[in-house]
C-alpha atoms as a PDB file:
ATOM      1  CA  MET A   1      31.654  75.628  -3.286  1.00  0.00           C
ATOM      2  CA  SER A   2      31.009  72.543  -5.397  1.00  0.00           C
ATOM      3  CA  ASP A   3      29.101  72.401  -8.648  1.00  0.00           C
ATOM      4  CA  PRO A   4      25.426  72.118  -8.208  1.00  0.00           C
ATOM      5  CA  THR A   5      24.208  68.652  -8.784  1.00  0.00           C
ATOM      6  CA  VAL A   6      20.728  70.062 -10.180  1.00  0.00           C
ATOM      7  CA  LEU A   7      20.792  72.923 -12.547  1.00  0.00           C
ATOM      8  CA  VAL A   8      17.655  75.081 -12.538  1.00  0.00           C
ATOM      9  CA  ALA A   9      16.329  77.570 -15.447  1.00  0.00           C
ATOM     10  CA  GLN A  10      13.109  79.348 -15.863  1.00  0.00           C
ATOM     11  CA  THR A  11      11.956  80.834 -19.103  1.00  0.00           C
ATOM     12  CA  GLY A  12       8.774  82.497 -18.946  1.00  0.00           C
ATOM     13  CA  SER A  13       6.438  79.979 -16.800  1.00  0.00           C
ATOM     14  CA  VAL A  14       8.491  76.977 -17.397  1.00  0.00           C
ATOM     15  CA  ARG A  15      10.888  75.920 -14.724  1.00  0.00           C
ATOM     16  CA  THR A  16      13.456  73.199 -16.206  1.00  0.00           C
ATOM     17  CA  LEU A  17      15.358  70.993 -13.904  1.00  0.00           C
ATOM     18  CA  THR A  18      18.205  69.262 -15.111  1.00  0.00           C
ATOM     19  CA  LEU A  19      20.573  66.598 -13.577  1.00  0.00           C
ATOM     20  CA  HIS A  20      24.054  67.692 -13.373  1.00  0.00           C
ATOM     21  CA  ARG A  21      26.494  65.008 -12.585  1.00  0.00           C
ATOM     22  CA  PRO A  22      28.361  64.245 -15.719  1.00  0.00           C
ATOM     23  CA  ALA A  23      31.532  62.529 -13.951  1.00  0.00           C
ATOM     24  CA  ALA A  24      29.091  60.026 -12.624  1.00  0.00           C
ATOM     25  CA  LEU A  25      26.719  59.580 -15.616  1.00  0.00           C
ATOM     26  CA  ASN A  26      24.149  61.527 -13.747  1.00  0.00           C
ATOM     27  CA  SER A  27      23.722  58.911 -11.164  1.00  0.00           C
ATOM     28  CA  PHE A  28      20.977  59.517  -8.484  1.00  0.00           C
ATOM     29  CA  THR A  29      21.964  60.465  -5.230  1.00  0.00           C
ATOM     30  CA  THR A  30      20.052  61.246  -1.980  1.00  0.00           C
ATOM     31  CA  GLU A  31      21.625  64.905  -2.126  1.00  0.00           C
ATOM     32  CA  MET A  32      19.910  65.213  -5.605  1.00  0.00           C
ATOM     33  CA  LEU A  33      16.507  64.009  -4.250  1.00  0.00           C
ATOM     34  CA  GLY A  34      16.546  66.794  -1.783  1.00  0.00           C
ATOM     35  CA  ARG A  35      17.551  69.386  -4.084  1.00  0.00           C
ATOM     36  CA  LEU A  36      14.759  68.290  -6.509  1.00  0.00           C
ATOM     37  CA  ARG A  37      12.194  68.008  -3.677  1.00  0.00           C
ATOM     38  CA  GLY A  38      13.131  71.567  -2.558  1.00  0.00           C
ATOM     39  CA  GLU A  39      13.283  72.907  -6.264  1.00  0.00           C
ATOM     40  CA  LEU A  40       9.736  71.211  -6.872  1.00  0.00           C
ATOM     41  CA  ASP A  41       8.215  72.776  -3.575  1.00  0.00           C
ATOM     42  CA  ALA A  42       9.453  76.197  -4.567  1.00  0.00           C
ATOM     43  CA  ALA A  43       7.933  75.989  -8.135  1.00  0.00           C
ATOM     44  CA  ALA A  44       4.669  74.874  -6.626  1.00  0.00           C
ATOM     45  CA  ALA A  45       4.868  78.172  -4.413  1.00  0.00           C
ATOM     46  CA  THR A  46       5.631  80.386  -7.296  1.00  0.00           C
ATOM     47  CA  PRO A  47       2.746  81.645  -8.980  1.00  0.00           C
ATOM     48  CA  ALA A  48       4.825  82.846 -12.336  1.00  0.00           C
ATOM     49  CA  CYS A  49       5.684  78.996 -12.621  1.00  0.00           C
ATOM     50  CA  ALA A  50       2.995  77.300 -14.443  1.00  0.00           C
ATOM     51  CA  ALA A  51       4.964  74.283 -15.322  1.00  0.00           C
ATOM     52  CA  SER A  52       8.270  72.224 -14.226  1.00  0.00           C
ATOM     53  CA  CYS A  53      10.102  69.669 -16.331  1.00  0.00           C
END
């Protein structure tokens, strides 16, 4: 399994999404876009998540 390009952490009601592609200076890819969309959709559907950053 490859390293994730988007890291996800939740503390209380805040979910933090972090770009994680240090070898490429976090340059944005279509894979990252798909992952971010999925994570934001998941956060929106999770009542315990009040904010995403």
